């Protein structure tokens, strides 16, 4: 396999090679306007710039030349060959005069910068795969791995590619579709860690930065990248309008740090996408936090008005859905699955106005903030029941708790809270939550409820027991409170009770 050190970018007449006239072609799809505008102008193939797409030859130089052609026209269309496997990236020794701390510099592959017109990448089922043996981590100039105690921000760093597709500063629309991005990190040469927690070096499947135009990623699988499946750092302040950018039908699987890192942006929408198995099987680099999704505003930016629809965040080494810090607000998760197996399914560091709707949350949640801008769970299932996890997996539930450190003002509207694991300290920890027409079900263990119930809550003992019921219906001191009538199902028999407090 060709190493990057032997590749010399050629000179290309971008007005001839790789250029296909799309004479009046109009594709009518869900993103028809984006496609048609670009395709009527121009379409390029990597083969036109010398790529082989044979799964052996390193095609990086061809993709760099293709990117230059697109950028020169401030937009255009890329057509990859159906089923082709393009080998990209590598470890090229850095120029000592312009090293920027690198001993081996990361390669740009598809990089679109400041495009005012539409950019479209038709993957046609092709694969971009990182070359075997690229270096990632800290290395001396002779190529030997080095080791430094963390945190370490010094020189002698190496990476194989900046991002397989990097979109920066584009005001025109961008569409990337039907493509596999394989980071191949299992065959990389791994050096020492760099940063504060693991390997915080370039190496994502997709990266978006400072784009004012709407971008969409559709039916793309990005896996085994040493950093993130997708990294987003778009404009985000008090005046930024909703972008409408996001993903649909994508799978971000088995990456080194995150499935999705969103550190800046307003109005992004993620539909039918999976963010899963971060740092799982075959990922030799491990960087914190290892989440499925991490919303963490940085650099003075905000993350606001973000929506997830029919998404899956599951079986990550870290948190399934994490707010890692910074100003994050107005987050909505609809018809989705959050599954925490080795740690929390949801962890907040103070995100405001987070709403879950018709979502299965399997595994314990923690750090809920409550209050007027606290979390709201509407028509959701919140459970630690192993029956809700994939076969062979057990939801994370320390001491059998589903909700750790529940906070006054967290609202659970309808839906169900189901305890499916033994609770070692007889404390379900629903303390001070507001339960509105919610079903509380115990299929294992002994659950004690402290919450304030309204709108006809229902308590079901289905293999487990429930204590601390409103009005002391279990024969003990009144702990829970009910503002409306409520019911208890015990040993198959339903008993209805009146309200125990006045409004």
Foldseek 3Di string as FASTA:
>chain_A
DDAPQPDDQDDDDLVDFQKDQLCQDFDDDPPRVLVRQQNNVIEGELVSRPFDLAQPDASQSSQVVVLVSQQVVLEHEYEYDAAGEHEYFHFHQADVVPQVQERTEAGEGREHEARAARYEYDANQYEYEYDFAHEAAFADNVGHADEDDPAAAGGRGGDGHQENHEYENYAYEYEYENYEYHDPQLRYHYHYDYHHFWNPGGWEHYEYAAYQAAYEYEQYEAELTAEEPYEYHYAADPPRDAHQHEYENYEQEAYAEEPYEYAAHHNYEYELYEQEAHPHDSRPTHGPPQESYEYEHDDPGEAEQYEYYAYEQEHTCHESYEHPYDAYENYEYENYEQFAFNDASYEYPDYFQYEYYQYEGAAAYEDFDADPRTYEYAQYEQEQACVPPPPPTGHHAVQQERYPPADAHHEYAAHEYERHEARNVLENPNANYEYENYEYEYLDHHYEDQYEYEPAYEYEYNNYYYALDAPRPVVDDHRYFYQAKYWYQDPNDIDIDGGDDHD
